[in-house]
C-alpha atoms as a PDB file:
ATOM      1  CA  UNK A   1      -0.183  -0.009   0.068  1.00  0.00           C
ATOM      2  CA  UNK A   2       1.779   3.275   1.180  1.00  0.00           C
ATOM      3  CA  UNK A   3       5.324   2.929   2.270  1.00  0.00           C
ATOM      4  CA  UNK A   4       5.553   6.017   4.550  1.00  0.00           C
ATOM      5  CA  UNK A   5       3.500   4.231   7.174  1.00  0.00           C
ATOM      6  CA  UNK A   6       6.683   3.798   9.177  1.00  0.00           C
ATOM      7  CA  UNK A   7       7.583   7.517   9.242  1.00  0.00           C
ATOM      8  CA  UNK A   8       4.620   9.692   9.645  1.00  0.00           C
ATOM      9  CA  UNK A   9       1.093   8.147   9.942  1.00  0.00           C
ATOM     10  CA  UNK A  10      -1.855  10.160  10.442  1.00  0.00           C
ATOM     11  CA  UNK A  11      -3.066   8.660  13.878  1.00  0.00           C
ATOM     12  CA  UNK A  12      -6.667   9.592  14.498  1.00  0.00           C
ATOM     13  CA  UNK A  13      -8.270   8.943  17.942  1.00  0.00           C
ATOM     14  CA  UNK A  14     -11.933   8.652  18.671  1.00  0.00           C
ATOM     15  CA  UNK A  15     -12.861   8.773  22.217  1.00  0.00           C
ATOM     16  CA  UNK A  16     -15.886   7.033  24.137  1.00  0.00           C
ATOM     17  CA  UNK A  17     -19.142   7.957  25.872  1.00  0.00           C
ATOM     18  CA  UNK A  18     -19.218  10.731  28.128  1.00  0.00           C
ATOM     19  CA  UNK A  19     -15.535  11.657  27.522  1.00  0.00           C
ATOM     20  CA  UNK A  20     -13.456  14.075  25.187  1.00  0.00           C
ATOM     21  CA  UNK A  21     -10.529  14.300  23.245  1.00  0.00           C
ATOM     22  CA  UNK A  22      -8.711  14.913  26.341  1.00  0.00           C
ATOM     23  CA  UNK A  23      -8.511  11.814  27.416  1.00  0.00           C
ATOM     24  CA  UNK A  24      -6.005  10.952  24.936  1.00  0.00           C
ATOM     25  CA  UNK A  25      -3.491  13.164  26.432  1.00  0.00           C
ATOM     26  CA  UNK A  26      -1.020  10.473  26.943  1.00  0.00           C
ATOM     27  CA  UNK A  27      -1.054   9.276  23.502  1.00  0.00           C
ATOM     28  CA  UNK A  28      -0.678  12.382  21.996  1.00  0.00           C
ATOM     29  CA  UNK A  29       2.156  13.438  24.181  1.00  0.00           C
ATOM     30  CA  UNK A  30       3.662   9.920  23.139  1.00  0.00           C
ATOM     31  CA  UNK A  31       3.114   9.916  19.452  1.00  0.00           C
ATOM     32  CA  UNK A  32       3.256  13.400  18.383  1.00  0.00           C
ATOM     33  CA  UNK A  33       7.103  13.364  17.923  1.00  0.00           C
ATOM     34  CA  UNK A  34       6.892  10.591  15.218  1.00  0.00           C
ATOM     35  CA  UNK A  35       3.319  10.702  13.871  1.00  0.00           C
ATOM     36  CA  UNK A  36       0.713  12.947  12.785  1.00  0.00           C
ATOM     37  CA  UNK A  37      -2.036  13.172  15.804  1.00  0.00           C
ATOM     38  CA  UNK A  38      -5.403  14.315  16.012  1.00  0.00           C
ATOM     39  CA  UNK A  39      -8.009  13.498  18.580  1.00  0.00           C
ATOM     40  CA  UNK A  40     -11.562  14.201  17.407  1.00  0.00           C
ATOM     41  CA  UNK A  41     -14.524  15.525  20.000  1.00  0.00           C
ATOM     42  CA  UNK A  42     -17.637  13.572  19.293  1.00  0.00           C
ATOM     43  CA  UNK A  43     -20.582  15.483  18.950  1.00  0.00           C
ATOM     44  CA  UNK A  44     -21.926  17.132  22.394  1.00  0.00           C
ATOM     45  CA  UNK A  45     -18.589  16.340  23.875  1.00  0.00           C
ATOM     46  CA  UNK A  46     -15.351  18.452  24.435  1.00  0.00           C
ATOM     47  CA  UNK A  47     -17.182  21.490  23.419  1.00  0.00           C
ATOM     48  CA  UNK A  48     -18.166  20.162  19.945  1.00  0.00           C
ATOM     49  CA  UNK A  49     -21.835  21.120  18.847  1.00  0.00           C
ATOM     50  CA  UNK A  50     -24.424  18.655  19.477  1.00  0.00           C
ATOM     51  CA  UNK A  51     -25.835  18.922  15.754  1.00  0.00           C
ATOM     52  CA  UNK A  52     -24.224  19.815  12.643  1.00  0.00           C
ATOM     53  CA  UNK A  53     -25.374  21.142   9.936  1.00  0.00           C
ATOM     54  CA  UNK A  54     -27.422  18.348   7.572  1.00  0.00           C
ATOM     55  CA  UNK A  55     -26.993  15.861  10.256  1.00  0.00           C
ATOM     56  CA  UNK A  56     -30.564  14.313  10.872  1.00  0.00           C
ATOM     57  CA  UNK A  57     -30.048  10.597  10.885  1.00  0.00           C
ATOM     58  CA  UNK A  58     -27.267   8.277  12.227  1.00  0.00           C
ATOM     59  CA  UNK A  59     -26.076   7.475   8.423  1.00  0.00           C
ATOM     60  CA  UNK A  60     -25.615  11.222   8.084  1.00  0.00           C
ATOM     61  CA  UNK A  61     -23.909  11.535  11.428  1.00  0.00           C
ATOM     62  CA  UNK A  62     -21.239   8.577  10.285  1.00  0.00           C
ATOM     63  CA  UNK A  63     -21.071  10.650   7.253  1.00  0.00           C
ATOM     64  CA  UNK A  64     -20.061  13.504   8.986  1.00  0.00           C
ATOM     65  CA  UNK A  65     -17.670  11.688  10.969  1.00  0.00           C
ATOM     66  CA  UNK A  66     -16.181  10.010   7.707  1.00  0.00           C
ATOM     67  CA  UNK A  67     -15.843  13.500   6.243  1.00  0.00           C
ATOM     68  CA  UNK A  68     -14.235  14.996   9.110  1.00  0.00           C
ATOM     69  CA  UNK A  69     -11.543  12.080   9.163  1.00  0.00           C
ATOM     70  CA  UNK A  70     -10.798  12.295   5.322  1.00  0.00           C
ATOM     71  CA  UNK A  71     -10.175  16.137   5.630  1.00  0.00           C
ATOM     72  CA  UNK A  72      -8.006  15.824   8.634  1.00  0.00           C
ATOM     73  CA  UNK A  73      -5.803  13.072   7.039  1.00  0.00           C
ATOM     74  CA  UNK A  74      -4.946  15.235   4.030  1.00  0.00           C
ATOM     75  CA  UNK A  75      -4.197  11.959   2.194  1.00  0.00           C
ATOM     76  CA  UNK A  76      -1.747  10.482   4.398  1.00  0.00           C
ATOM     77  CA  UNK A  77      -1.749   6.951   5.754  1.00  0.00           C
ATOM     78  CA  UNK A  78      -4.377   6.704   8.350  1.00  0.00           C
ATOM     79  CA  UNK A  79      -4.304   4.668  11.486  1.00  0.00           C
ATOM     80  CA  UNK A  80      -7.880   4.919  13.477  1.00  0.00           C
ATOM     81  CA  UNK A  81      -7.921   4.452  16.964  1.00  0.00           C
ATOM     82  CA  UNK A  82     -11.055   4.120  18.648  1.00  0.00           C
ATOM     83  CA  UNK A  83     -12.006   3.356  22.175  1.00  0.00           C
ATOM     84  CA  UNK A  84     -15.381   2.280  23.292  1.00  0.00           C
ATOM     85  CA  UNK A  85     -18.140   4.142  21.474  1.00  0.00           C
ATOM     86  CA  UNK A  86     -15.378   5.451  19.308  1.00  0.00           C
ATOM     87  CA  UNK A  87     -14.225   2.049  18.339  1.00  0.00           C
ATOM     88  CA  UNK A  88     -17.940   1.286  17.239  1.00  0.00           C
ATOM     89  CA  UNK A  89     -17.812   4.291  14.977  1.00  0.00           C
ATOM     90  CA  UNK A  90     -14.475   3.185  13.764  1.00  0.00           C
ATOM     91  CA  UNK A  91     -16.011  -0.182  12.641  1.00  0.00           C
ATOM     92  CA  UNK A  92     -18.923   1.918  11.130  1.00  0.00           C
ATOM     93  CA  UNK A  93     -16.986   4.250   9.078  1.00  0.00           C
ATOM     94  CA  UNK A  94     -13.583   2.362   8.152  1.00  0.00           C
ATOM     95  CA  UNK A  95     -14.815   1.198   4.507  1.00  0.00           C
ATOM     96  CA  UNK A  96     -15.128   5.275   3.530  1.00  0.00           C
ATOM     97  CA  UNK A  97     -11.843   6.097   4.866  1.00  0.00           C
ATOM     98  CA  UNK A  98      -9.234   7.269   2.520  1.00  0.00           C
ATOM     99  CA  UNK A  99      -5.906   5.693   2.707  1.00  0.00           C
ATOM    100  CA  UNK A 100      -6.867   3.590   5.738  1.00  0.00           C
ATOM    101  CA  UNK A 101      -3.715   1.727   6.892  1.00  0.00           C
ATOM    102  CA  UNK A 102      -5.150  -0.036   9.954  1.00  0.00           C
ATOM    103  CA  UNK A 103      -7.498  -0.103  13.122  1.00  0.00           C
ATOM    104  CA  UNK A 104      -6.846  -0.052  16.767  1.00  0.00           C
ATOM    105  CA  UNK A 105     -10.035  -1.356  18.568  1.00  0.00           C
ATOM    106  CA  UNK A 106      -9.973  -0.585  21.995  1.00  0.00           C
ATOM    107  CA  UNK A 107     -12.111  -1.686  24.788  1.00  0.00           C
ATOM    108  CA  UNK A 108     -14.965  -1.825  22.210  1.00  0.00           C
ATOM    109  CA  UNK A 109     -17.381  -4.239  20.784  1.00  0.00           C
ATOM    110  CA  UNK A 110     -19.281  -4.794  17.796  1.00  0.00           C
ATOM    111  CA  UNK A 111     -22.902  -5.074  19.808  1.00  0.00           C
ATOM    112  CA  UNK A 112     -22.673  -3.159  23.029  1.00  0.00           C
ATOM    113  CA  UNK A 113     -25.536  -4.544  24.912  1.00  0.00           C
ATOM    114  CA  UNK A 114     -26.760  -8.008  25.720  1.00  0.00           C
ATOM    115  CA  UNK A 115     -29.027  -9.887  23.092  1.00  0.00           C
ATOM    116  CA  UNK A 116     -30.461 -13.172  22.729  1.00  0.00           C
ATOM    117  CA  UNK A 117     -27.497 -14.228  20.477  1.00  0.00           C
ATOM    118  CA  UNK A 118     -25.204 -11.774  22.381  1.00  0.00           C
ATOM    119  CA  UNK A 119     -23.877 -12.966  25.755  1.00  0.00           C
ATOM    120  CA  UNK A 120     -20.801 -10.720  25.389  1.00  0.00           C
ATOM    121  CA  UNK A 121     -22.805  -7.047  26.135  1.00  0.00           C
ATOM    122  CA  UNK A 122     -23.195  -4.827  28.857  1.00  0.00           C
ATOM    123  CA  UNK A 123     -25.866  -5.901  31.355  1.00  0.00           C
ATOM    124  CA  UNK A 124     -29.265  -3.886  31.915  1.00  0.00           C
ATOM    125  CA  UNK A 125     -27.770  -2.907  35.206  1.00  0.00           C
ATOM    126  CA  UNK A 126     -25.090  -1.046  33.885  1.00  0.00           C
ATOM    127  CA  UNK A 127     -27.148   0.222  31.126  1.00  0.00           C
ATOM    128  CA  UNK A 128     -29.816   1.811  33.408  1.00  0.00           C
ATOM    129  CA  UNK A 129     -26.778   3.547  35.114  1.00  0.00           C
ATOM    130  CA  UNK A 130     -25.741   5.154  31.979  1.00  0.00           C
ATOM    131  CA  UNK A 131     -29.325   6.284  31.238  1.00  0.00           C
ATOM    132  CA  UNK A 132     -29.840   7.773  34.418  1.00  0.00           C
ATOM    133  CA  UNK A 133     -26.406   9.455  34.001  1.00  0.00           C
ATOM    134  CA  UNK A 134     -27.520  10.856  30.266  1.00  0.00           C
ATOM    135  CA  UNK A 135     -30.986  12.235  31.613  1.00  0.00           C
ATOM    136  CA  UNK A 136     -29.711  13.697  35.086  1.00  0.00           C
ATOM    137  CA  UNK A 137     -26.136  14.991  33.938  1.00  0.00           C
ATOM    138  CA  UNK A 138     -25.477  14.537  37.665  1.00  0.00           C
ATOM    139  CA  UNK A 139     -21.741  15.109  38.284  1.00  0.00           C
ATOM    140  CA  UNK A 140     -21.816  12.332  40.875  1.00  0.00           C
ATOM    141  CA  UNK A 141     -22.902   9.471  38.473  1.00  0.00           C
ATOM    142  CA  UNK A 142     -20.421  10.848  35.981  1.00  0.00           C
ATOM    143  CA  UNK A 143     -17.905  10.167  38.463  1.00  0.00           C
ATOM    144  CA  UNK A 144     -19.377   7.096  39.194  1.00  0.00           C
ATOM    145  CA  UNK A 145     -18.936   6.059  35.807  1.00  0.00           C
ATOM    146  CA  UNK A 146     -15.444   7.221  35.534  1.00  0.00           C
ATOM    147  CA  UNK A 147     -14.659   5.182  38.581  1.00  0.00           C
ATOM    148  CA  UNK A 148     -16.339   1.876  36.758  1.00  0.00           C
ATOM    149  CA  UNK A 149     -14.156   2.561  33.733  1.00  0.00           C
ATOM    150  CA  UNK A 150     -11.052   1.872  36.154  1.00  0.00           C
ATOM    151  CA  UNK A 151     -12.688  -0.978  37.831  1.00  0.00           C
ATOM    152  CA  UNK A 152     -10.229  -3.639  38.281  1.00  0.00           C
ATOM    153  CA  UNK A 153      -7.301  -1.886  37.801  1.00  0.00           C
ATOM    154  CA  UNK A 154      -6.175  -1.758  41.570  1.00  0.00           C
ATOM    155  CA  UNK A 155      -5.616   1.725  41.923  1.00  0.00           C
ATOM    156  CA  UNK A 156      -5.458   3.885  44.909  1.00  0.00           C
ATOM    157  CA  UNK A 157      -8.156   6.667  45.375  1.00  0.00           C
ATOM    158  CA  UNK A 158      -5.282   9.213  45.083  1.00  0.00           C
ATOM    159  CA  UNK A 159      -4.153   7.641  41.705  1.00  0.00           C
ATOM    160  CA  UNK A 160      -7.806   7.331  40.630  1.00  0.00           C
ATOM    161  CA  UNK A 161      -7.991  11.206  41.103  1.00  0.00           C
ATOM    162  CA  UNK A 162      -4.935  12.132  39.596  1.00  0.00           C
ATOM    163  CA  UNK A 163      -5.966  10.204  36.226  1.00  0.00           C
ATOM    164  CA  UNK A 164      -9.095  11.906  36.423  1.00  0.00           C
ATOM    165  CA  UNK A 165      -7.689  15.423  36.657  1.00  0.00           C
ATOM    166  CA  UNK A 166      -5.760  14.874  33.591  1.00  0.00           C
ATOM    167  CA  UNK A 167      -8.116  13.039  31.290  1.00  0.00           C
ATOM    168  CA  UNK A 168     -11.635  14.691  32.058  1.00  0.00           C
ATOM    169  CA  UNK A 169     -12.420  17.795  30.485  1.00  0.00           C
ATOM    170  CA  UNK A 170     -14.312  19.835  33.209  1.00  0.00           C
ATOM    171  CA  UNK A 171     -14.645  23.087  31.563  1.00  0.00           C
ATOM    172  CA  UNK A 172     -16.528  21.454  28.579  1.00  0.00           C
ATOM    173  CA  UNK A 173     -18.714  18.555  29.861  1.00  0.00           C
ATOM    174  CA  UNK A 174     -20.496  16.651  27.545  1.00  0.00           C
ATOM    175  CA  UNK A 175     -24.155  18.029  27.216  1.00  0.00           C
ATOM    176  CA  UNK A 176     -27.417  16.171  27.647  1.00  0.00           C
ATOM    177  CA  UNK A 177     -27.999  15.649  23.933  1.00  0.00           C
ATOM    178  CA  UNK A 178     -24.715  14.439  23.292  1.00  0.00           C
ATOM    179  CA  UNK A 179     -24.937  11.755  25.767  1.00  0.00           C
ATOM    180  CA  UNK A 180     -28.371  10.872  24.824  1.00  0.00           C
ATOM    181  CA  UNK A 181     -27.075  10.552  21.179  1.00  0.00           C
ATOM    182  CA  UNK A 182     -24.262   8.490  22.334  1.00  0.00           C
ATOM    183  CA  UNK A 183     -26.645   6.077  24.090  1.00  0.00           C
ATOM    184  CA  UNK A 184     -28.925   6.085  21.044  1.00  0.00           C
ATOM    185  CA  UNK A 185     -25.616   4.627  19.029  1.00  0.00           C
ATOM    186  CA  UNK A 186     -24.664   2.098  21.841  1.00  0.00           C
ATOM    187  CA  UNK A 187     -28.160   0.909  21.848  1.00  0.00           C
ATOM    188  CA  UNK A 188     -28.716   0.504  18.261  1.00  0.00           C
ATOM    189  CA  UNK A 189     -25.259  -0.208  16.429  1.00  0.00           C
ATOM    190  CA  UNK A 190     -24.657  -4.154  15.826  1.00  0.00           C
ATOM    191  CA  UNK A 191     -21.672  -4.291  13.534  1.00  0.00           C
ATOM    192  CA  UNK A 192     -20.799  -8.101  13.542  1.00  0.00           C
ATOM    193  CA  UNK A 193     -21.764  -8.466   9.949  1.00  0.00           C
ATOM    194  CA  UNK A 194     -19.344  -5.748   9.093  1.00  0.00           C
ATOM    195  CA  UNK A 195     -16.446  -7.372  10.684  1.00  0.00           C
ATOM    196  CA  UNK A 196     -15.793  -9.781   7.719  1.00  0.00           C
ATOM    197  CA  UNK A 197     -15.610  -6.914   5.453  1.00  0.00           C
ATOM    198  CA  UNK A 198     -12.612  -5.301   7.321  1.00  0.00           C
ATOM    199  CA  UNK A 199      -9.596  -5.504   5.172  1.00  0.00           C
ATOM    200  CA  UNK A 200      -6.702  -3.836   6.961  1.00  0.00           C
ATOM    201  CA  UNK A 201      -4.818  -4.938   9.658  1.00  0.00           C
ATOM    202  CA  UNK A 202      -6.469  -4.316  13.214  1.00  0.00           C
ATOM    203  CA  UNK A 203      -4.887  -4.388  16.864  1.00  0.00           C
ATOM    204  CA  UNK A 204      -7.389  -5.208  19.024  1.00  0.00           C
ATOM    205  CA  UNK A 205      -6.992  -4.468  22.845  1.00  0.00           C
ATOM    206  CA  UNK A 206      -8.767  -5.098  25.875  1.00  0.00           C
ATOM    207  CA  UNK A 207      -8.631  -5.191  29.856  1.00  0.00           C
ATOM    208  CA  UNK A 208      -9.298  -8.607  31.313  1.00  0.00           C
ATOM    209  CA  UNK A 209     -11.297  -6.977  34.150  1.00  0.00           C
ATOM    210  CA  UNK A 210     -13.327  -4.686  31.887  1.00  0.00           C
ATOM    211  CA  UNK A 211     -16.812  -4.446  33.417  1.00  0.00           C
ATOM    212  CA  UNK A 212     -18.566  -2.304  30.577  1.00  0.00           C
ATOM    213  CA  UNK A 213     -17.262  -4.271  27.570  1.00  0.00           C
ATOM    214  CA  UNK A 214     -16.303  -7.779  28.699  1.00  0.00           C
ATOM    215  CA  UNK A 215     -13.046  -8.979  27.284  1.00  0.00           C
ATOM    216  CA  UNK A 216     -14.799 -11.673  25.457  1.00  0.00           C
ATOM    217  CA  UNK A 217     -16.190  -8.959  23.376  1.00  0.00           C
ATOM    218  CA  UNK A 218     -12.501  -8.106  22.410  1.00  0.00           C
ATOM    219  CA  UNK A 219     -11.830 -11.832  21.674  1.00  0.00           C
ATOM    220  CA  UNK A 220     -14.774 -12.044  19.489  1.00  0.00           C
ATOM    221  CA  UNK A 221     -13.422  -9.000  17.388  1.00  0.00           C
ATOM    222  CA  UNK A 222      -9.987 -10.559  16.705  1.00  0.00           C
ATOM    223  CA  UNK A 223     -11.430 -13.896  15.736  1.00  0.00           C
ATOM    224  CA  UNK A 224     -13.828 -12.505  13.382  1.00  0.00           C
ATOM    225  CA  UNK A 225     -11.689 -10.269  11.586  1.00  0.00           C
ATOM    226  CA  UNK A 226      -8.723 -11.240   9.240  1.00  0.00           C
ATOM    227  CA  UNK A 227      -5.200  -9.808   9.858  1.00  0.00           C
ATOM    228  CA  UNK A 228      -5.772  -8.935  13.461  1.00  0.00           C
ATOM    229  CA  UNK A 229      -3.842  -8.960  16.779  1.00  0.00           C
ATOM    230  CA  UNK A 230      -5.236  -9.395  20.112  1.00  0.00           C
ATOM    231  CA  UNK A 231      -3.372  -8.096  23.194  1.00  0.00           C
ATOM    232  CA  UNK A 232      -4.859  -7.851  26.537  1.00  0.00           C
ATOM    233  CA  UNK A 233      -3.987  -6.261  29.946  1.00  0.00           C
ATOM    234  CA  UNK A 234      -4.122  -8.407  33.268  1.00  0.00           C
ATOM    235  CA  UNK A 235      -5.402  -6.418  36.340  1.00  0.00           C
ATOM    236  CA  UNK A 236      -7.191  -3.648  33.932  1.00  0.00           C
ATOM    237  CA  UNK A 237     -10.565  -2.437  33.371  1.00  0.00           C
ATOM    238  CA  UNK A 238     -12.096  -0.097  30.680  1.00  0.00           C
ATOM    239  CA  UNK A 239      -9.444   2.065  29.881  1.00  0.00           C
ATOM    240  CA  UNK A 240      -5.971   0.407  29.395  1.00  0.00           C
ATOM    241  CA  UNK A 241      -4.690   3.552  27.381  1.00  0.00           C
ATOM    242  CA  UNK A 242      -5.107   5.657  30.743  1.00  0.00           C
ATOM    243  CA  UNK A 243      -3.865   3.135  33.481  1.00  0.00           C
ATOM    244  CA  UNK A 244      -1.502   1.325  31.525  1.00  0.00           C
ATOM    245  CA  UNK A 245      -0.450   3.964  29.339  1.00  0.00           C
ATOM    246  CA  UNK A 246       3.230   3.245  29.107  1.00  0.00           C
ATOM    247  CA  UNK A 247       2.601  -0.474  28.011  1.00  0.00           C
ATOM    248  CA  UNK A 248       0.088   0.312  25.604  1.00  0.00           C
ATOM    249  CA  UNK A 249       1.776   3.083  23.715  1.00  0.00           C
ATOM    250  CA  UNK A 250       4.560   0.681  23.338  1.00  0.00           C
ATOM    251  CA  UNK A 251       2.471  -1.930  22.110  1.00  0.00           C
ATOM    252  CA  UNK A 252       0.927   0.325  19.620  1.00  0.00           C
ATOM    253  CA  UNK A 253       3.935   1.861  18.415  1.00  0.00           C
ATOM    254  CA  UNK A 254       5.518  -1.452  17.746  1.00  0.00           C
ATOM    255  CA  UNK A 255       2.384  -2.718  16.137  1.00  0.00           C
ATOM    256  CA  UNK A 256       2.360   0.097  13.411  1.00  0.00           C
ATOM    257  CA  UNK A 257       5.886  -0.116  12.882  1.00  0.00           C
ATOM    258  CA  UNK A 258       5.733  -3.744  12.063  1.00  0.00           C
ATOM    259  CA  UNK A 259       2.675  -3.209   9.406  1.00  0.00           C
ATOM    260  CA  UNK A 260       3.774  -4.519   6.287  1.00  0.00           C
ATOM    261  CA  UNK A 261       3.180  -1.681   3.623  1.00  0.00           C
END
């Protein structure tokens, strides 16, 4: 494909529900000297507008994200890094990204909620917590959600507070519409049929102790996409790029440098 991937790829990061581009601060710091980096704020998150001009349906919303990614990349080879909801968006738009070189699917799933034929999803109790948070925008509930993300990492309270201070955009919290739109996507997207159409190399990363997206979902992704590599983190929850950032960054850097282009 493109032989300059090892020199300066465009790494585009998509965050998850209720967070912002700020959550990628450790990755931007690490990769900026060796790659073009950009973190997108999803609608209603991190100060981004709730609704963009001409966006009325889910397909319009995905097209807007696709157009934004293609505009940012400016013809460079693209590595899409999607976490949680951001990973589902990556799975949704990847076929329409110009010069796509690889996917990084981080703590994500093709189908977020449990269904009769899908046992690797979020259970109803956790889902109700999300819904309550979106409806009330209660800061305490948002804090509880963040703590749930880090469950399984064996962090002290002080360490968790330090991570949250740097990762959360408190000046521009998500809007109610942004949270609800994200929930609508999480509830409706079922991308299991999309996996067979992924043609580029994929790195699947998951925390073994993830209580939001079970690790089995990551195993399913790796097993059902061609040319994929699975990497798991022990004693790790829903955000390995935050709690195991050094190891994650090294893993990601080694992976894209070894891509055969």
